[in-house]
Every structure is written in C-alpha cells, then in structure tokens.
C-alpha cells in the first residue's frame, strides 16, 4: 500500500503500533521520549521525510508501554525502526539523523518507497 500519511502519525501504544505497521507494506516508526532534545529535533525532519517519500511514519513513546522497550530492544532514543510486512527489518539508533541521511537509509532498505529525485 502506498498511501503514506502526509505527516507522522502519533501512536499511543503497542496496539496502535501493530495496527499502523500492519496497514502498510513498509513503515518507519520513531521511538522517542518526552523531554528528549534530540527527539524533539527529529520532529520536523520526520515531517519533511513523510511529505517527500511514500513511507508512512509513526511516532511512539515507549515509556507509555514499557513492554515495547524489551520487545523492540530500544536502548536509546530517538530510535528509528523500519518495518516491512509488520516486522522490523532495519534500525537507526544514532541519535539525531538529518533528512538526507534518513532518506538514504530508507532508499537502502525500502527503495521502492523513495523517489530517486526526493
């Protein structure tokens, strides 16, 4: 499915995460915490990438559902997980990631969802 959302979708818990990643062939989810400066700096980057690619982007605070921390091995925030067919297939957990680097990551792991001219 290629009907990406024009901006990141806020996900409240694990059930919403499951629904989100199951809805799309490929989806990117940012795991963040409130008060994290790097996470806050990622918000406009994620918005720009959501508008410039066909990859739907979700945002989830794993502190609201601590089982997700263990399930997805979240050791730092922000952590970006790329899901394909509902399963995590790639991860970026290097702190702040700029738009170009994020688009390159998506192009590498989900080439059909990223326009070469984006």
PDB file of N, CA and C in Angstrom:
ATOM      1  N   UNK A   1       0.854  -1.168   0.000  1.00  0.00           N
ATOM      2  CA  UNK A   1       0.000   0.000   0.000  1.00  0.00           C
ATOM      3  C   UNK A   1       0.899   1.229   0.000  1.00  0.00           C
ATOM      4  N   UNK A   2       0.609   2.217  -0.810  1.00  0.00           N
ATOM      5  CA  UNK A   2       1.496   3.364  -0.930  1.00  0.00           C
ATOM      6  C   UNK A   2       0.844   4.669  -0.500  1.00  0.00           C
ATOM      7  N   UNK A   3      -0.265   4.602   0.235  1.00  0.00           N
ATOM      8  CA  UNK A   3      -0.944   5.825   0.642  1.00  0.00           C
ATOM      9  C   UNK A   3      -0.365   6.343   1.955  1.00  0.00           C
ATOM     10  N   UNK A   4       0.868   6.821   1.894  1.00  0.00           N
ATOM     11  CA  UNK A   4       1.555   7.332   3.070  1.00  0.00           C
ATOM     12  C   UNK A   4       0.822   8.548   3.623  1.00  0.00           C
ATOM     13  N   UNK A   5       0.947   8.702   4.927  1.00  0.00           N
ATOM     14  CA  UNK A   5       0.349   9.861   5.563  1.00  0.00           C
ATOM     15  C   UNK A   5       1.232  11.072   5.299  1.00  0.00           C
ATOM     16  N   UNK A   6       0.661  12.282   5.165  1.00  0.00           N
ATOM     17  CA  UNK A   6       1.456  13.463   4.854  1.00  0.00           C
ATOM     18  C   UNK A   6       2.287  13.959   6.030  1.00  0.00           C
ATOM     19  N   UNK A   7       2.018  13.466   7.220  1.00  0.00           N
ATOM     20  CA  UNK A   7       2.816  13.841   8.383  1.00  0.00           C
ATOM     21  C   UNK A   7       2.891  12.636   9.306  1.00  0.00           C
ATOM     22  N   UNK A   8       3.853  12.626  10.237  1.00  0.00           N
ATOM     23  CA  UNK A   8       3.948  11.491  11.151  1.00  0.00           C
ATOM     24  C   UNK A   8       2.662  11.301  11.959  1.00  0.00           C
ATOM     25  N   UNK A   9       2.358  10.040  12.231  1.00  0.00           N
ATOM     26  CA  UNK A   9       1.176   9.661  12.996  1.00  0.00           C
ATOM     27  C   UNK A   9       1.585   9.356  14.426  1.00  0.00           C
ATOM     28  N   UNK A  10       0.948   9.987  15.392  1.00  0.00           N
ATOM     29  CA  UNK A  10       1.221   9.710  16.800  1.00  0.00           C
ATOM     30  C   UNK A  10       0.560   8.385  17.173  1.00  0.00           C
ATOM     31  N   UNK A  11       1.334   7.476  17.739  1.00  0.00           N
ATOM     32  CA  UNK A  11       0.841   6.161  18.147  1.00  0.00           C
ATOM     33  C   UNK A  11       0.845   6.101  19.670  1.00  0.00           C
ATOM     34  N   UNK A  12      -0.254   5.679  20.265  1.00  0.00           N
ATOM     35  CA  UNK A  12      -0.402   5.732  21.720  1.00  0.00           C
ATOM     36  C   UNK A  12       0.167   4.519  22.441  1.00  0.00           C
ATOM     37  N   UNK A  13       0.163   3.356  21.786  1.00  0.00           N
ATOM     38  CA  UNK A  13       0.557   2.142  22.496  1.00  0.00           C
ATOM     39  C   UNK A  13       0.894   1.036  21.498  1.00  0.00           C
ATOM     40  N   UNK A  14       1.175  -0.141  22.045  1.00  0.00           N
ATOM     41  CA  UNK A  14       1.541  -1.266  21.200  1.00  0.00           C
ATOM     42  C   UNK A  14       0.453  -1.683  20.231  1.00  0.00           C
ATOM     43  N   UNK A  15      -0.799  -1.573  20.650  1.00  0.00           N
ATOM     44  CA  UNK A  15      -1.907  -1.941  19.756  1.00  0.00           C
ATOM     45  C   UNK A  15      -1.955  -1.006  18.553  1.00  0.00           C
ATOM     46  N   UNK A  16      -1.779   0.288  18.789  1.00  0.00           N
ATOM     47  CA  UNK A  16      -1.765   1.238  17.669  1.00  0.00           C
ATOM     48  C   UNK A  16      -0.545   1.023  16.785  1.00  0.00           C
ATOM     49  N   UNK A  17       0.590   0.671  17.387  1.00  0.00           N
ATOM     50  CA  UNK A  17       1.789   0.357  16.608  1.00  0.00           C
ATOM     51  C   UNK A  17       1.515  -0.832  15.689  1.00  0.00           C
ATOM     52  N   UNK A  18       0.953  -1.899  16.243  1.00  0.00           N
ATOM     53  CA  UNK A  18       0.642  -3.089  15.438  1.00  0.00           C
ATOM     54  C   UNK A  18      -0.281  -2.738  14.277  1.00  0.00           C
ATOM     55  N   UNK A  19      -1.322  -1.989  14.561  1.00  0.00           N
ATOM     56  CA  UNK A  19      -2.273  -1.598  13.522  1.00  0.00           C
ATOM     57  C   UNK A  19      -1.588  -0.771  12.437  1.00  0.00           C
ATOM     58  N   UNK A  20      -0.719   0.156  12.855  1.00  0.00           N
ATOM     59  CA  UNK A  20      -0.022   1.042  11.924  1.00  0.00           C
ATOM     60  C   UNK A  20       0.900   0.251  11.001  1.00  0.00           C
ATOM     61  N   UNK A  21       1.762  -0.596  11.571  1.00  0.00           N
ATOM     62  CA  UNK A  21       2.735  -1.312  10.732  1.00  0.00           C
ATOM     63  C   UNK A  21       2.071  -2.403   9.897  1.00  0.00           C
ATOM     64  N   UNK A  22       0.924  -2.915  10.355  1.00  0.00           N
ATOM     65  CA  UNK A  22       0.200  -3.910   9.559  1.00  0.00           C
ATOM     66  C   UNK A  22      -0.546  -3.277   8.387  1.00  0.00           C
ATOM     67  N   UNK A  23      -0.837  -1.990   8.491  1.00  0.00           N
ATOM     68  CA  UNK A  23      -1.599  -1.281   7.456  1.00  0.00           C
ATOM     69  C   UNK A  23      -0.760  -1.033   6.201  1.00  0.00           C
ATOM     70  N   UNK A  24       0.557  -0.983   6.333  1.00  0.00           N
ATOM     71  CA  UNK A  24       1.438  -0.612   5.223  1.00  0.00           C
ATOM     72  C   UNK A  24       2.448  -1.718   4.939  1.00  0.00           C
ATOM     73  N   UNK A  25       2.872  -1.824   3.681  1.00  0.00           N
ATOM     74  CA  UNK A  25       3.932  -2.771   3.328  1.00  0.00           C
ATOM     75  C   UNK A  25       5.227  -2.393   4.034  1.00  0.00           C
ATOM     76  N   UNK A  26       5.526  -1.091   4.052  1.00  0.00           N
ATOM     77  CA  UNK A  26       6.730  -0.551   4.686  1.00  0.00           C
ATOM     78  C   UNK A  26       6.306   0.641   5.533  1.00  0.00           C
ATOM     79  N   UNK A  27       6.842   0.737   6.758  1.00  0.00           N
ATOM     80  CA  UNK A  27       6.549   1.879   7.629  1.00  0.00           C
ATOM     81  C   UNK A  27       7.755   2.139   8.523  1.00  0.00           C
ATOM     82  N   UNK A  28       7.967   3.405   8.854  1.00  0.00           N
ATOM     83  CA  UNK A  28       9.044   3.812   9.747  1.00  0.00           C
ATOM     84  C   UNK A  28       8.416   4.291  11.047  1.00  0.00           C
ATOM     85  N   UNK A  29       8.978   3.857  12.188  1.00  0.00           N
ATOM     86  CA  UNK A  29       8.464   4.289  13.487  1.00  0.00           C
ATOM     87  C   UNK A  29       9.614   4.853  14.306  1.00  0.00           C
ATOM     88  N   UNK A  30       9.395   6.071  14.826  1.00  0.00           N
ATOM     89  CA  UNK A  30      10.351   6.679  15.751  1.00  0.00           C
ATOM     90  C   UNK A  30       9.901   6.363  17.164  1.00  0.00           C
ATOM     91  N   UNK A  31      10.810   5.788  17.948  1.00  0.00           N
ATOM     92  CA  UNK A  31      10.597   5.597  19.378  1.00  0.00           C
ATOM     93  C   UNK A  31      11.286   6.773  20.065  1.00  0.00           C
ATOM     94  N   UNK A  32      10.541   7.515  20.878  1.00  0.00           N
ATOM     95  CA  UNK A  32      11.045   8.745  21.487  1.00  0.00           C
ATOM     96  C   UNK A  32      10.597   8.823  22.941  1.00  0.00           C
ATOM     97  N   UNK A  33      11.114   9.822  23.657  1.00  0.00           N
ATOM     98  CA  UNK A  33      10.612  10.134  24.993  1.00  0.00           C
ATOM     99  C   UNK A  33      10.351  11.628  25.085  1.00  0.00           C
ATOM    100  N   UNK A  34       9.430  11.985  25.959  1.00  0.00           N
ATOM    101  CA  UNK A  34       9.117  13.389  26.207  1.00  0.00           C
ATOM    102  C   UNK A  34      10.325  14.020  26.898  1.00  0.00           C
ATOM    103  N   UNK A  35      10.695  15.217  26.497  1.00  0.00           N
ATOM    104  CA  UNK A  35      11.811  15.922  27.106  1.00  0.00           C
ATOM    105  C   UNK A  35      13.162  15.583  26.505  1.00  0.00           C
ATOM    106  N   UNK A  36      13.198  14.756  25.481  1.00  0.00           N
ATOM    107  CA  UNK A  36      14.446  14.387  24.807  1.00  0.00           C
ATOM    108  C   UNK A  36      14.717  15.419  23.713  1.00  0.00           C
ATOM    109  N   UNK A  37      15.772  16.243  23.860  1.00  0.00           N
ATOM    110  CA  UNK A  37      16.042  17.281  22.855  1.00  0.00           C
ATOM    111  C   UNK A  37      16.283  16.722  21.449  1.00  0.00           C
ATOM    112  N   UNK A  38      16.998  15.606  21.342  1.00  0.00           N
ATOM    113  CA  UNK A  38      17.251  15.025  20.016  1.00  0.00           C
ATOM    114  C   UNK A  38      15.952  14.522  19.395  1.00  0.00           C
ATOM    115  N   UNK A  39      15.070  13.986  20.233  1.00  0.00           N
ATOM    116  CA  UNK A  39      13.765  13.521  19.728  1.00  0.00           C
ATOM    117  C   UNK A  39      12.956  14.703  19.211  1.00  0.00           C
ATOM    118  N   UNK A  40      12.963  15.798  19.962  1.00  0.00           N
ATOM    119  CA  UNK A  40      12.233  16.992  19.539  1.00  0.00           C
ATOM    120  C   UNK A  40      12.804  17.539  18.237  1.00  0.00           C
ATOM    121  N   UNK A  41      14.123  17.483  18.089  1.00  0.00           N
ATOM    122  CA  UNK A  41      14.759  17.969  16.864  1.00  0.00           C
ATOM    123  C   UNK A  41      14.417  17.085  15.668  1.00  0.00           C
ATOM    124  N   UNK A  42      14.074  15.826  15.916  1.00  0.00           N
ATOM    125  CA  UNK A  42      13.722  14.904  14.830  1.00  0.00           C
ATOM    126  C   UNK A  42      12.335  15.186  14.258  1.00  0.00           C
ATOM    127  N   UNK A  43      11.443  15.825  15.028  1.00  0.00           N
ATOM    128  CA  UNK A  43      10.060  16.018  14.571  1.00  0.00           C
ATOM    129  C   UNK A  43       9.957  16.699  13.210  1.00  0.00           C
ATOM    130  N   UNK A  44      10.617  17.854  12.985  1.00  0.00           N
ATOM    131  CA  UNK A  44      10.498  18.469  11.653  1.00  0.00           C
ATOM    132  C   UNK A  44      11.161  17.633  10.558  1.00  0.00           C
ATOM    133  N   UNK A  45      12.227  16.922  10.892  1.00  0.00           N
ATOM    134  CA  UNK A  45      12.887  16.051   9.913  1.00  0.00           C
ATOM    135  C   UNK A  45      11.920  14.954   9.478  1.00  0.00           C
ATOM    136  N   UNK A  46      11.265  14.328  10.455  1.00  0.00           N
ATOM    137  CA  UNK A  46      10.311  13.265  10.139  1.00  0.00           C
ATOM    138  C   UNK A  46       9.153  13.801   9.306  1.00  0.00           C
ATOM    139  N   UNK A  47       8.697  15.004   9.627  1.00  0.00           N
ATOM    140  CA  UNK A  47       7.621  15.618   8.851  1.00  0.00           C
ATOM    141  C   UNK A  47       8.020  15.836   7.407  1.00  0.00           C
ATOM    142  N   UNK A  48       9.228  16.351   7.191  1.00  0.00           N
ATOM    143  CA  UNK A  48       9.710  16.584   5.825  1.00  0.00           C
ATOM    144  C   UNK A  48       9.867  15.274   5.063  1.00  0.00           C
ATOM    145  N   UNK A  49      10.408  14.260   5.725  1.00  0.00           N
ATOM    146  CA  UNK A  49      10.601  12.963   5.073  1.00  0.00           C
ATOM    147  C   UNK A  49       9.244  12.318   4.772  1.00  0.00           C
ATOM    148  N   UNK A  50       8.286  12.462   5.676  1.00  0.00           N
ATOM    149  CA  UNK A  50       6.942  11.908   5.435  1.00  0.00           C
ATOM    150  C   UNK A  50       6.311  12.532   4.197  1.00  0.00           C
ATOM    151  N   UNK A  51       6.538  13.819   3.998  1.00  0.00           N
ATOM    152  CA  UNK A  51       5.957  14.503   2.841  1.00  0.00           C
ATOM    153  C   UNK A  51       6.712  14.216   1.547  1.00  0.00           C
ATOM    154  N   UNK A  52       7.993  13.867   1.642  1.00  0.00           N
ATOM    155  CA  UNK A  52       8.802  13.715   0.431  1.00  0.00           C
ATOM    156  C   UNK A  52       8.998  12.265  -0.002  1.00  0.00           C
ATOM    157  N   UNK A  53       8.507  11.309   0.773  1.00  0.00           N
ATOM    158  CA  UNK A  53       8.625   9.897   0.406  1.00  0.00           C
ATOM    159  C   UNK A  53       7.257   9.233   0.526  1.00  0.00           C
ATOM    160  N   UNK A  54       7.191   7.995   0.102  1.00  0.00           N
ATOM    161  CA  UNK A  54       5.959   7.215   0.227  1.00  0.00           C
ATOM    162  C   UNK A  54       5.981   6.334   1.472  1.00  0.00           C
ATOM    163  N   UNK A  55       6.877   6.645   2.412  1.00  0.00           N
ATOM    164  CA  UNK A  55       6.997   5.837   3.620  1.00  0.00           C
ATOM    165  C   UNK A  55       6.168   6.466   4.738  1.00  0.00           C
ATOM    166  N   UNK A  56       5.144   5.766   5.229  1.00  0.00           N
ATOM    167  CA  UNK A  56       4.386   6.272   6.372  1.00  0.00           C
ATOM    168  C   UNK A  56       5.271   6.275   7.616  1.00  0.00           C
ATOM    169  N   UNK A  57       5.136   7.309   8.433  1.00  0.00           N
ATOM    170  CA  UNK A  57       5.970   7.451   9.622  1.00  0.00           C
ATOM    171  C   UNK A  57       5.084   7.560  10.850  1.00  0.00           C
ATOM    172  N   UNK A  58       5.403   6.751  11.849  1.00  0.00           N
ATOM    173  CA  UNK A  58       4.714   6.800  13.133  1.00  0.00           C
ATOM    174  C   UNK A  58       5.678   7.240  14.220  1.00  0.00           C
ATOM    175  N   UNK A  59       5.120   7.775  15.303  1.00  0.00           N
ATOM    176  CA  UNK A  59       5.923   8.202  16.451  1.00  0.00           C
ATOM    177  C   UNK A  59       5.309   7.585  17.699  1.00  0.00           C
ATOM    178  N   UNK A  60       6.148   6.955  18.537  1.00  0.00           N
ATOM    179  CA  UNK A  60       5.652   6.250  19.710  1.00  0.00           C
ATOM    180  C   UNK A  60       6.575   6.487  20.893  1.00  0.00           C
ATOM    181  N   UNK A  61       5.998   6.849  22.026  1.00  0.00           N
ATOM    182  CA  UNK A  61       6.744   6.979  23.271  1.00  0.00           C
ATOM    183  C   UNK A  61       6.701   5.620  23.960  1.00  0.00           C
ATOM    184  N   UNK A  62       7.809   4.846  23.949  1.00  0.00           N
ATOM    185  CA  UNK A  62       7.766   3.510  24.539  1.00  0.00           C
ATOM    186  C   UNK A  62       7.612   3.546  26.051  1.00  0.00           C
ATOM    187  N   UNK A  63       7.848   4.698  26.676  1.00  0.00           N
ATOM    188  CA  UNK A  63       7.626   4.828  28.113  1.00  0.00           C
ATOM    189  C   UNK A  63       6.171   4.656  28.477  1.00  0.00           C
ATOM    190  N   UNK A  64       5.290   4.842  27.497  1.00  0.00           N
ATOM    191  CA  UNK A  64       3.861   4.649  27.723  1.00  0.00           C
ATOM    192  C   UNK A  64       3.472   3.174  27.655  1.00  0.00           C
ATOM    193  N   UNK A  65       4.354   2.320  27.155  1.00  0.00           N
ATOM    194  CA  UNK A  65       4.098   0.884  27.030  1.00  0.00           C
ATOM    195  C   UNK A  65       5.458   0.194  27.145  1.00  0.00           C
ATOM    196  N   UNK A  66       5.924   0.003  28.395  1.00  0.00           N
ATOM    197  CA  UNK A  66       7.294  -0.451  28.632  1.00  0.00           C
ATOM    198  C   UNK A  66       7.611  -1.815  28.023  1.00  0.00           C
ATOM    199  N   UNK A  67       6.618  -2.636  27.765  1.00  0.00           N
ATOM    200  CA  UNK A  67       6.871  -3.913  27.112  1.00  0.00           C
ATOM    201  C   UNK A  67       7.475  -3.737  25.730  1.00  0.00           C
ATOM    202  N   UNK A  68       7.195  -2.593  25.101  1.00  0.00           N
ATOM    203  CA  UNK A  68       7.746  -2.323  23.767  1.00  0.00           C
ATOM    204  C   UNK A  68       9.255  -2.105  23.813  1.00  0.00           C
ATOM    205  N   UNK A  69       9.761  -1.578  24.935  1.00  0.00           N
ATOM    206  CA  UNK A  69      11.203  -1.344  25.083  1.00  0.00           C
ATOM    207  C   UNK A  69      11.947  -2.667  24.932  1.00  0.00           C
ATOM    208  N   UNK A  70      11.481  -3.693  25.640  1.00  0.00           N
ATOM    209  CA  UNK A  70      12.116  -5.011  25.546  1.00  0.00           C
ATOM    210  C   UNK A  70      11.830  -5.672  24.204  1.00  0.00           C
ATOM    211  N   UNK A  71      10.599  -5.605  23.771  1.00  0.00           N
ATOM    212  CA  UNK A  71      10.198  -6.288  22.541  1.00  0.00           C
ATOM    213  C   UNK A  71      11.011  -5.831  21.339  1.00  0.00           C
ATOM    214  N   UNK A  72      11.266  -4.510  21.265  1.00  0.00           N
ATOM    215  CA  UNK A  72      11.992  -3.971  20.112  1.00  0.00           C
ATOM    216  C   UNK A  72      13.421  -3.562  20.461  1.00  0.00           C
ATOM    217  N   UNK A  73      13.884  -3.969  21.652  1.00  0.00           N
ATOM    218  CA  UNK A  73      15.270  -3.730  22.074  1.00  0.00           C
ATOM    219  C   UNK A  73      15.648  -2.256  21.939  1.00  0.00           C
ATOM    220  N   UNK A  74      14.818  -1.377  22.510  1.00  0.00           N
ATOM    221  CA  UNK A  74      15.079   0.058  22.470  1.00  0.00           C
ATOM    222  C   UNK A  74      16.046   0.398  23.597  1.00  0.00           C
ATOM    223  N   UNK A  75      17.268   0.768  23.237  1.00  0.00           N
ATOM    224  CA  UNK A  75      18.294   1.090  24.222  1.00  0.00           C
ATOM    225  C   UNK A  75      18.562   2.578  24.312  1.00  0.00           C
ATOM    226  N   UNK A  76      18.152   3.331  23.302  1.00  0.00           N
ATOM    227  CA  UNK A  76      18.353   4.781  23.309  1.00  0.00           C
ATOM    228  C   UNK A  76      17.268   5.420  22.456  1.00  0.00           C
ATOM    229  N   UNK A  77      17.068   6.703  22.694  1.00  0.00           N
ATOM    230  CA  UNK A  77      16.103   7.456  21.885  1.00  0.00           C
ATOM    231  C   UNK A  77      16.793   8.693  21.340  1.00  0.00           C
ATOM    232  N   UNK A  78      16.405   9.139  20.169  1.00  0.00           N
ATOM    233  CA  UNK A  78      15.415   8.502  19.317  1.00  0.00           C
ATOM    234  C   UNK A  78      15.970   7.254  18.638  1.00  0.00           C
ATOM    235  N   UNK A  79      15.118   6.254  18.502  1.00  0.00           N
ATOM    236  CA  UNK A  79      15.422   5.054  17.716  1.00  0.00           C
ATOM    237  C   UNK A  79      14.402   4.974  16.598  1.00  0.00           C
ATOM    238  N   UNK A  80      14.870   4.724  15.400  1.00  0.00           N
ATOM    239  CA  UNK A  80      14.001   4.622  14.225  1.00  0.00           C
ATOM    240  C   UNK A  80      14.028   3.186  13.736  1.00  0.00           C
ATOM    241  N   UNK A  81      12.859   2.557  13.680  1.00  0.00           N
ATOM    242  CA  UNK A  81      12.754   1.189  13.190  1.00  0.00           C
ATOM    243  C   UNK A  81      11.944   1.176  11.909  1.00  0.00           C
ATOM    244  N   UNK A  82      12.487   0.498  10.910  1.00  0.00           N
ATOM    245  CA  UNK A  82      11.784   0.330   9.645  1.00  0.00           C
ATOM    246  C   UNK A  82      11.115  -1.039   9.660  1.00  0.00           C
ATOM    247  N   UNK A  83       9.817  -1.050   9.401  1.00  0.00           N
ATOM    248  CA  UNK A  83       9.036  -2.284   9.380  1.00  0.00           C
ATOM    249  C   UNK A  83       8.662  -2.621   7.943  1.00  0.00           C
ATOM    250  N   UNK A  84       8.762  -3.902   7.628  1.00  0.00           N
ATOM    251  CA  UNK A  84       8.290  -4.410   6.334  1.00  0.00           C
ATOM    252  C   UNK A  84       7.369  -5.583   6.656  1.00  0.00           C
ATOM    253  N   UNK A  85       6.151  -5.523   6.126  1.00  0.00           N
ATOM    254  CA  UNK A  85       5.153  -6.567   6.383  1.00  0.00           C
ATOM    255  C   UNK A  85       4.970  -6.812   7.881  1.00  0.00           C
ATOM    256  N   UNK A  86       4.987  -5.722   8.657  1.00  0.00           N
ATOM    257  CA  UNK A  86       4.724  -5.800  10.087  1.00  0.00           C
ATOM    258  C   UNK A  86       5.893  -6.204  10.955  1.00  0.00           C
ATOM    259  N   UNK A  87       7.051  -6.480  10.361  1.00  0.00           N
ATOM    260  CA  UNK A  87       8.223  -6.924  11.118  1.00  0.00           C
ATOM    261  C   UNK A  87       9.357  -5.916  10.985  1.00  0.00           C
ATOM    262  N   UNK A  88      10.101  -5.655  12.081  1.00  0.00           N
ATOM    263  CA  UNK A  88      11.237  -4.736  11.978  1.00  0.00           C
ATOM    264  C   UNK A  88      12.354  -5.350  11.135  1.00  0.00           C
ATOM    265  N   UNK A  89      12.867  -4.560  10.177  1.00  0.00           N
ATOM    266  CA  UNK A  89      13.904  -5.069   9.279  1.00  0.00           C
ATOM    267  C   UNK A  89      15.180  -4.230   9.301  1.00  0.00           C
ATOM    268  N   UNK A  90      15.103  -3.013   9.831  1.00  0.00           N
ATOM    269  CA  UNK A  90      16.296  -2.160   9.894  1.00  0.00           C
ATOM    270  C   UNK A  90      16.089  -1.138  11.002  1.00  0.00           C
ATOM    271  N   UNK A  91      17.206  -0.607  11.508  1.00  0.00           N
ATOM    272  CA  UNK A  91      17.140   0.307  12.639  1.00  0.00           C
ATOM    273  C   UNK A  91      18.210   1.379  12.517  1.00  0.00           C
ATOM    274  N   UNK A  92      17.851   2.580  12.956  1.00  0.00           N
ATOM    275  CA  UNK A  92      18.792   3.686  13.134  1.00  0.00           C
ATOM    276  C   UNK A  92      18.646   4.132  14.582  1.00  0.00           C
ATOM    277  N   UNK A  93      19.712   4.019  15.356  1.00  0.00           N
ATOM    278  CA  UNK A  93      19.663   4.421  16.761  1.00  0.00           C
ATOM    279  C   UNK A  93      20.896   5.254  17.084  1.00  0.00           C
ATOM    280  N   UNK A  94      21.175   6.216  16.212  1.00  0.00           N
ATOM    281  CA  UNK A  94      22.380   7.036  16.334  1.00  0.00           C
ATOM    282  C   UNK A  94      22.083   8.431  16.851  1.00  0.00           C
ATOM    283  N   UNK A  95      20.965   8.629  17.531  1.00  0.00           N
ATOM    284  CA  UNK A  95      20.592   9.974  17.960  1.00  0.00           C
ATOM    285  C   UNK A  95      19.954  10.727  16.812  1.00  0.00           C
ATOM    286  N   UNK A  96      20.235  12.027  16.741  1.00  0.00           N
ATOM    287  CA  UNK A  96      19.653  12.854  15.686  1.00  0.00           C
ATOM    288  C   UNK A  96      20.156  12.400  14.318  1.00  0.00           C
ATOM    289  N   UNK A  97      19.242  12.300  13.370  1.00  0.00           N
ATOM    290  CA  UNK A  97      19.565  11.926  11.993  1.00  0.00           C
ATOM    291  C   UNK A  97      18.970  12.992  11.090  1.00  0.00           C
ATOM    292  N   UNK A  98      19.777  13.560  10.213  1.00  0.00           N
ATOM    293  CA  UNK A  98      19.292  14.578   9.290  1.00  0.00           C
ATOM    294  C   UNK A  98      18.428  13.974   8.195  1.00  0.00           C
ATOM    295  N   UNK A  99      17.709  14.831   7.499  1.00  0.00           N
ATOM    296  CA  UNK A  99      16.790  14.389   6.458  1.00  0.00           C
ATOM    297  C   UNK A  99      17.455  13.604   5.352  1.00  0.00           C
ATOM    298  N   UNK A 100      18.607  14.074   4.861  1.00  0.00           N
ATOM    299  CA  UNK A 100      19.291  13.372   3.771  1.00  0.00           C
ATOM    300  C   UNK A 100      19.724  11.976   4.206  1.00  0.00           C
ATOM    301  N   UNK A 101      20.264  11.882   5.422  1.00  0.00           N
ATOM    302  CA  UNK A 101      20.699  10.579   5.933  1.00  0.00           C
ATOM    303  C   UNK A 101      19.503   9.637   6.101  1.00  0.00           C
ATOM    304  N   UNK A 102      18.387  10.178   6.566  1.00  0.00           N
ATOM    305  CA  UNK A 102      17.195   9.355   6.750  1.00  0.00           C
ATOM    306  C   UNK A 102      16.639   8.885   5.405  1.00  0.00           C
ATOM    307  N   UNK A 103      16.611   9.764   4.418  1.00  0.00           N
ATOM    308  CA  UNK A 103      16.149   9.365   3.078  1.00  0.00           C
ATOM    309  C   UNK A 103      17.092   8.311   2.496  1.00  0.00           C
ATOM    310  N   UNK A 104      18.404   8.467   2.700  1.00  0.00           N
ATOM    311  CA  UNK A 104      19.362   7.457   2.225  1.00  0.00           C
ATOM    312  C   UNK A 104      19.104   6.102   2.891  1.00  0.00           C
ATOM    313  N   UNK A 105      18.829   6.122   4.201  1.00  0.00           N
ATOM    314  CA  UNK A 105      18.504   4.901   4.943  1.00  0.00           C
ATOM    315  C   UNK A 105      17.267   4.229   4.347  1.00  0.00           C
ATOM    316  N   UNK A 106      16.238   5.029   4.089  1.00  0.00           N
ATOM    317  CA  UNK A 106      15.005   4.492   3.508  1.00  0.00           C
ATOM    318  C   UNK A 106      15.247   3.971   2.094  1.00  0.00           C
ATOM    319  N   UNK A 107      16.050   4.694   1.311  1.00  0.00           N
ATOM    320  CA  UNK A 107      16.349   4.262  -0.061  1.00  0.00           C
ATOM    321  C   UNK A 107      17.088   2.926  -0.062  1.00  0.00           C
ATOM    322  N   UNK A 108      17.947   2.730   0.926  1.00  0.00           N
ATOM    323  CA  UNK A 108      18.697   1.477   1.024  1.00  0.00           C
ATOM    324  C   UNK A 108      17.787   0.309   1.415  1.00  0.00           C
ATOM    325  N   UNK A 109      16.890   0.543   2.369  1.00  0.00           N
ATOM    326  CA  UNK A 109      16.093  -0.547   2.936  1.00  0.00           C
ATOM    327  C   UNK A 109      14.677  -0.652   2.375  1.00  0.00           C
ATOM    328  N   UNK A 110      14.205   0.396   1.700  1.00  0.00           N
ATOM    329  CA  UNK A 110      12.860   0.392   1.103  1.00  0.00           C
ATOM    330  C   UNK A 110      12.900   1.169  -0.205  1.00  0.00           C
ATOM    331  N   UNK A 111      13.722   0.717  -1.161  1.00  0.00           N
ATOM    332  CA  UNK A 111      13.966   1.518  -2.366  1.00  0.00           C
ATOM    333  C   UNK A 111      12.715   1.862  -3.164  1.00  0.00           C
ATOM    334  N   UNK A 112      11.711   1.022  -3.163  1.00  0.00           N
ATOM    335  CA  UNK A 112      10.508   1.317  -3.927  1.00  0.00           C
ATOM    336  C   UNK A 112       9.676   2.441  -3.339  1.00  0.00           C
ATOM    337  N   UNK A 113       9.930   2.787  -2.087  1.00  0.00           N
ATOM    338  CA  UNK A 113       9.132   3.805  -1.404  1.00  0.00           C
ATOM    339  C   UNK A 113       9.769   5.186  -1.450  1.00  0.00           C
ATOM    340  N   UNK A 114      10.966   5.271  -2.010  1.00  0.00           N
ATOM    341  CA  UNK A 114      11.684   6.547  -2.049  1.00  0.00           C
ATOM    342  C   UNK A 114      11.944   6.921  -3.499  1.00  0.00           C
ATOM    343  N   UNK A 115      11.453   8.076  -3.900  1.00  0.00           N
ATOM    344  CA  UNK A 115      11.678   8.594  -5.248  1.00  0.00           C
ATOM    345  C   UNK A 115      13.140   8.981  -5.374  1.00  0.00           C
ATOM    346  N   UNK A 116      13.783   8.591  -6.436  1.00  0.00           N
ATOM    347  CA  UNK A 116      15.196   8.911  -6.646  1.00  0.00           C
ATOM    348  C   UNK A 116      15.444  10.409  -6.674  1.00  0.00           C
ATOM    349  N   UNK A 117      14.428  11.201  -7.010  1.00  0.00           N
ATOM    350  CA  UNK A 117      14.600  12.650  -7.074  1.00  0.00           C
ATOM    351  C   UNK A 117      14.263  13.343  -5.768  1.00  0.00           C
ATOM    352  N   UNK A 118      13.855  12.595  -4.743  1.00  0.00           N
ATOM    353  CA  UNK A 118      13.444  13.210  -3.468  1.00  0.00           C
ATOM    354  C   UNK A 118      14.621  13.767  -2.721  1.00  0.00           C
TER     355      UNK A 118
END
